[in-house]
Amino acid sequence: MEESMAGYFKEQFDEQQVLKLIQSFDKSISHDIPYLQKLLQFLEENNSLNLVCAVMLIKN
């Protein structure tokens, strides 16, 4: 079972790990416009395009 970044770093989870997560995500999929459009559509349809859901995705 994979562990989240927050779970792995525990108390040391800070802005540095969040930036690394965002950079890795961007590097992996920013070139895939259809995927990004589907992801945004999914988040909008599920009322998940907000800061609270973003925090949950990063922490879990």
Protein backbone atom coordinates (compact mmCIF):
# COMPACT_ATOMS: atom_id res chain seq x y z
CA MET A 1 0.00 0.00 0.00
CA GLU A 2 1.36 3.40 -0.96
CA GLU A 3 1.59 6.13 1.62
CA SER A 4 0.85 9.79 1.04
CA MET A 5 3.60 12.39 1.19
CA ALA A 6 2.13 13.80 4.38
CA GLY A 7 2.01 10.32 5.90
CA TYR A 8 5.60 9.64 4.90
CA PHE A 9 7.04 12.95 6.13
CA LYS A 10 4.70 13.29 9.14
CA GLU A 11 5.80 16.27 11.25
CA GLN A 12 8.41 17.27 8.67
CA PHE A 13 5.74 17.73 5.98
CA ASP A 14 6.00 21.37 5.01
CA GLU A 15 5.93 23.81 2.11
CA GLN A 16 9.02 22.19 0.55
CA GLN A 17 7.22 18.85 0.12
CA VAL A 18 4.07 20.57 -1.20
CA LEU A 19 6.14 22.40 -3.81
CA LYS A 20 7.86 19.15 -4.80
CA LEU A 21 4.46 17.48 -5.15
CA ILE A 22 3.13 20.28 -7.36
CA GLN A 23 6.28 20.32 -9.49
CA SER A 24 6.19 16.55 -9.95
CA PHE A 25 2.50 16.63 -10.85
CA ASP A 26 3.05 19.44 -13.33
CA LYS A 27 6.05 17.72 -14.93
CA SER A 28 4.10 14.47 -15.26
CA ILE A 29 0.83 15.69 -16.77
CA SER A 30 0.95 19.36 -17.76
CA HIS A 31 1.56 18.35 -21.37
CA ASP A 32 -1.57 16.16 -21.43
CA ILE A 33 -4.29 18.74 -22.08
CA PRO A 34 -7.15 16.21 -22.52
CA TYR A 35 -6.30 14.63 -19.15
CA LEU A 36 -6.21 18.01 -17.43
CA GLN A 37 -9.57 18.93 -18.96
CA LYS A 38 -11.11 15.65 -17.74
CA LEU A 39 -9.61 16.16 -14.30
CA LEU A 40 -11.00 19.68 -14.00
CA GLN A 41 -14.39 18.52 -15.26
CA PHE A 42 -14.43 15.71 -12.70
CA LEU A 43 -13.50 18.09 -9.86
CA GLU A 44 -16.15 20.62 -10.93
CA GLU A 45 -18.88 17.96 -11.27
CA ASN A 46 -18.09 16.70 -7.78
CA ASN A 47 -17.88 20.16 -6.17
CA SER A 48 -14.24 19.43 -5.36
CA LEU A 49 -12.59 22.42 -6.99
CA ASN A 50 -11.78 24.25 -3.77
CA LEU A 51 -9.02 24.69 -1.21
CA VAL A 52 -10.47 22.20 1.28
CA CYS A 53 -10.44 19.39 -1.29
CA ALA A 54 -6.95 20.37 -2.46
CA VAL A 55 -5.66 20.08 1.11
CA MET A 56 -7.32 16.67 1.48
CA LEU A 57 -5.75 15.43 -1.75
CA ILE A 58 -2.31 16.55 -0.61
CA LYS A 59 -2.66 15.15 2.91
CA ASN A 60 -4.17 11.81 1.87
